[in-house]
Amino acid sequence: RKRKGEEPMSPRALSQRERNREAVRNCRKRKREYAQKLKEREAMLEAENAKLRMQLKLGSEEMQNSMTLQCNELAVQMKEQLQAGSAAPSKGDQRSVLASLSDHYLQTDT
């Protein structure tokens, strides 16, 4: 473009201006491509994060269900031992029940 009162641009200046426009165009294009790649990476990481959260949740629920099942089994065993023996369990029975409980909790904590 020519402004009022300015002399026409030299061919060298015109060439430089055109190279500059091309450089700016390329820079903007690279910036758009980079932004697009970042959005794609964000979507991929969000999907992976959701997948891992689901695995963690399922694992926690599975562990909780397993612990509940083991506790219920111990309770049944303790009830059977109490019903099979006298009304008051002997010292040996008490130790057996306590050993079962401690084994159970030691296994589930690790």
C-alpha atoms as a PDB file:
ATOM      1  CA  ARG A   1       0.000   0.000   0.000  1.00  0.00           C
ATOM      2  CA  LYS A   2       1.095   3.486  -0.705  1.00  0.00           C
ATOM      3  CA  ARG A   3       0.425   6.242   1.772  1.00  0.00           C
ATOM      4  CA  LYS A   4      -0.047   9.876   0.914  1.00  0.00           C
ATOM      5  CA  GLY A   5       3.159  11.746   0.693  1.00  0.00           C
ATOM      6  CA  GLU A   6       5.382   8.637   0.596  1.00  0.00           C
ATOM      7  CA  GLU A   7       7.627   7.617  -2.172  1.00  0.00           C
ATOM      8  CA  PRO A   8       7.001   4.294  -3.891  1.00  0.00           C
ATOM      9  CA  MET A   9       8.757   1.356  -2.190  1.00  0.00           C
ATOM     10  CA  SER A  10      11.862  -0.069  -3.717  1.00  0.00           C
ATOM     11  CA  PRO A  11      11.733  -3.592  -5.143  1.00  0.00           C
ATOM     12  CA  ARG A  12      14.001  -4.734  -2.322  1.00  0.00           C
ATOM     13  CA  ALA A  13      11.640  -3.322   0.338  1.00  0.00           C
ATOM     14  CA  LEU A  14       8.641  -4.908  -1.399  1.00  0.00           C
ATOM     15  CA  SER A  15      10.433  -8.243  -1.460  1.00  0.00           C
ATOM     16  CA  GLN A  16      11.323  -7.935   2.235  1.00  0.00           C
ATOM     17  CA  ARG A  17       7.727  -7.050   3.107  1.00  0.00           C
ATOM     18  CA  GLU A  18       6.431 -10.083   1.177  1.00  0.00           C
ATOM     19  CA  ARG A  19       8.920 -12.414   2.959  1.00  0.00           C
ATOM     20  CA  ASN A  20       7.823 -10.940   6.276  1.00  0.00           C
ATOM     21  CA  ARG A  21       4.142 -11.566   5.463  1.00  0.00           C
ATOM     22  CA  GLU A  22       4.959 -15.166   4.541  1.00  0.00           C
ATOM     23  CA  ALA A  23       6.909 -15.638   7.794  1.00  0.00           C
ATOM     24  CA  VAL A  24       3.998 -14.258   9.822  1.00  0.00           C
ATOM     25  CA  ARG A  25       1.550 -16.515   7.956  1.00  0.00           C
ATOM     26  CA  ASN A  26       3.729 -19.567   8.671  1.00  0.00           C
ATOM     27  CA  CYS A  27       4.150 -18.592  12.316  1.00  0.00           C
ATOM     28  CA  ARG A  28       0.396 -18.308  12.784  1.00  0.00           C
ATOM     29  CA  LYS A  29      -0.148 -21.623  11.038  1.00  0.00           C
ATOM     30  CA  ARG A  30       2.379 -23.377  13.306  1.00  0.00           C
ATOM     31  CA  LYS A  31       0.732 -21.784  16.337  1.00  0.00           C
ATOM     32  CA  ARG A  32      -2.711 -23.108  15.282  1.00  0.00           C
ATOM     33  CA  GLU A  33      -1.259 -26.583  14.659  1.00  0.00           C
ATOM     34  CA  TYR A  34       0.460 -26.579  18.052  1.00  0.00           C
ATOM     35  CA  ALA A  35      -2.769 -25.503  19.785  1.00  0.00           C
ATOM     36  CA  GLN A  36      -4.644 -28.305  17.986  1.00  0.00           C
ATOM     37  CA  LYS A  37      -2.055 -30.882  19.075  1.00  0.00           C
ATOM     38  CA  LEU A  38      -2.352 -29.660  22.662  1.00  0.00           C
ATOM     39  CA  LYS A  39      -6.144 -30.054  22.534  1.00  0.00           C
ATOM     40  CA  GLU A  40      -5.776 -33.589  21.174  1.00  0.00           C
ATOM     41  CA  ARG A  41      -3.251 -34.455  23.887  1.00  0.00           C
ATOM     42  CA  GLU A  42      -5.549 -32.985  26.549  1.00  0.00           C
ATOM     43  CA  ALA A  43      -8.451 -35.125  25.322  1.00  0.00           C
ATOM     44  CA  MET A  44      -6.246 -38.237  25.291  1.00  0.00           C
ATOM     45  CA  LEU A  45      -4.957 -37.566  28.827  1.00  0.00           C
ATOM     46  CA  GLU A  46      -8.461 -36.869  30.138  1.00  0.00           C
ATOM     47  CA  ALA A  47      -9.667 -40.181  28.693  1.00  0.00           C
ATOM     48  CA  GLU A  48      -6.705 -42.013  30.230  1.00  0.00           C
ATOM     49  CA  ASN A  49      -7.328 -40.297  33.566  1.00  0.00           C
ATOM     50  CA  ALA A  50     -10.992 -41.336  33.526  1.00  0.00           C
ATOM     51  CA  LYS A  51      -9.972 -44.913  32.704  1.00  0.00           C
ATOM     52  CA  LEU A  52      -7.472 -45.026  35.561  1.00  0.00           C
ATOM     53  CA  ARG A  53      -9.975 -43.521  37.995  1.00  0.00           C
ATOM     54  CA  MET A  54     -12.482 -46.203  37.035  1.00  0.00           C
ATOM     55  CA  GLN A  55      -9.869 -48.941  37.550  1.00  0.00           C
ATOM     56  CA  LEU A  56      -8.997 -47.486  40.941  1.00  0.00           C
ATOM     57  CA  LYS A  57     -12.653 -47.292  41.931  1.00  0.00           C
ATOM     58  CA  LEU A  58     -13.313 -50.860  40.803  1.00  0.00           C
ATOM     59  CA  GLY A  59     -10.213 -52.077  42.607  1.00  0.00           C
ATOM     60  CA  SER A  60     -11.254 -50.332  45.811  1.00  0.00           C
ATOM     61  CA  GLU A  61     -14.766 -51.738  45.594  1.00  0.00           C
ATOM     62  CA  GLU A  62     -13.394 -55.208  44.900  1.00  0.00           C
ATOM     63  CA  MET A  63     -11.070 -54.963  47.903  1.00  0.00           C
ATOM     64  CA  GLN A  64     -13.899 -53.742  50.125  1.00  0.00           C
ATOM     65  CA  ASN A  65     -16.167 -56.564  48.949  1.00  0.00           C
ATOM     66  CA  SER A  66     -13.390 -59.077  49.604  1.00  0.00           C
ATOM     67  CA  MET A  67     -12.807 -57.727  53.106  1.00  0.00           C
ATOM     68  CA  THR A  68     -16.537 -57.813  53.870  1.00  0.00           C
ATOM     69  CA  LEU A  69     -16.761 -61.396  52.655  1.00  0.00           C
ATOM     70  CA  GLN A  70     -13.763 -62.439  54.776  1.00  0.00           C
ATOM     71  CA  CYS A  71     -15.216 -60.705  57.858  1.00  0.00           C
ATOM     72  CA  ASN A  72     -18.528 -62.446  57.328  1.00  0.00           C
ATOM     73  CA  GLU A  73     -16.772 -65.800  56.976  1.00  0.00           C
ATOM     74  CA  LEU A  74     -14.868 -65.203  60.218  1.00  0.00           C
ATOM     75  CA  ALA A  75     -18.079 -64.224  61.990  1.00  0.00           C
ATOM     76  CA  VAL A  76     -19.745 -67.439  60.812  1.00  0.00           C
ATOM     77  CA  GLN A  77     -16.728 -69.480  61.944  1.00  0.00           C
ATOM     78  CA  MET A  78     -16.742 -67.790  65.337  1.00  0.00           C
ATOM     79  CA  LYS A  79     -20.483 -68.394  65.724  1.00  0.00           C
ATOM     80  CA  GLU A  80     -20.073 -72.058  64.767  1.00  0.00           C
ATOM     81  CA  GLN A  81     -17.216 -72.483  67.221  1.00  0.00           C
ATOM     82  CA  LEU A  82     -19.246 -70.904  69.982  1.00  0.00           C
ATOM     83  CA  GLN A  83     -22.296 -73.032  69.204  1.00  0.00           C
ATOM     84  CA  ALA A  84     -20.274 -76.246  68.921  1.00  0.00           C
ATOM     85  CA  GLY A  85     -18.660 -75.803  72.323  1.00  0.00           C
ATOM     86  CA  SER A  86     -20.022 -74.761  75.636  1.00  0.00           C
ATOM     87  CA  ALA A  87     -21.715 -71.431  76.233  1.00  0.00           C
ATOM     88  CA  ALA A  88     -18.377 -69.908  77.222  1.00  0.00           C
ATOM     89  CA  PRO A  89     -15.465 -70.688  74.912  1.00  0.00           C
ATOM     90  CA  SER A  90     -12.375 -72.187  76.450  1.00  0.00           C
ATOM     91  CA  LYS A  91      -9.056 -70.376  76.520  1.00  0.00           C
ATOM     92  CA  GLY A  92      -7.924 -72.429  73.494  1.00  0.00           C
ATOM     93  CA  ASP A  93     -11.002 -71.463  71.488  1.00  0.00           C
ATOM     94  CA  GLN A  94     -10.540 -67.823  72.377  1.00  0.00           C
ATOM     95  CA  ARG A  95      -6.929 -67.976  71.229  1.00  0.00           C
ATOM     96  CA  SER A  96      -7.988 -69.679  68.000  1.00  0.00           C
ATOM     97  CA  VAL A  97     -10.579 -67.012  67.271  1.00  0.00           C
ATOM     98  CA  LEU A  98      -8.142 -64.216  68.106  1.00  0.00           C
ATOM     99  CA  ALA A  99      -5.474 -65.827  65.940  1.00  0.00           C
ATOM    100  CA  SER A 100      -7.948 -66.048  63.039  1.00  0.00           C
ATOM    101  CA  LEU A 101      -8.880 -62.404  63.468  1.00  0.00           C
ATOM    102  CA  SER A 102      -5.294 -61.227  63.660  1.00  0.00           C
ATOM    103  CA  ASP A 103      -4.351 -63.341  60.626  1.00  0.00           C
ATOM    104  CA  HIS A 104      -7.287 -61.892  58.746  1.00  0.00           C
ATOM    105  CA  TYR A 105      -6.420 -58.269  59.504  1.00  0.00           C
ATOM    106  CA  LEU A 106      -2.718 -58.787  58.886  1.00  0.00           C
ATOM    107  CA  GLN A 107      -3.496 -60.213  55.430  1.00  0.00           C
ATOM    108  CA  THR A 108      -5.892 -57.438  54.441  1.00  0.00           C
ATOM    109  CA  ASP A 109      -3.632 -54.594  55.588  1.00  0.00           C
ATOM    110  CA  THR A 110      -0.791 -55.576  53.282  1.00  0.00           C
END
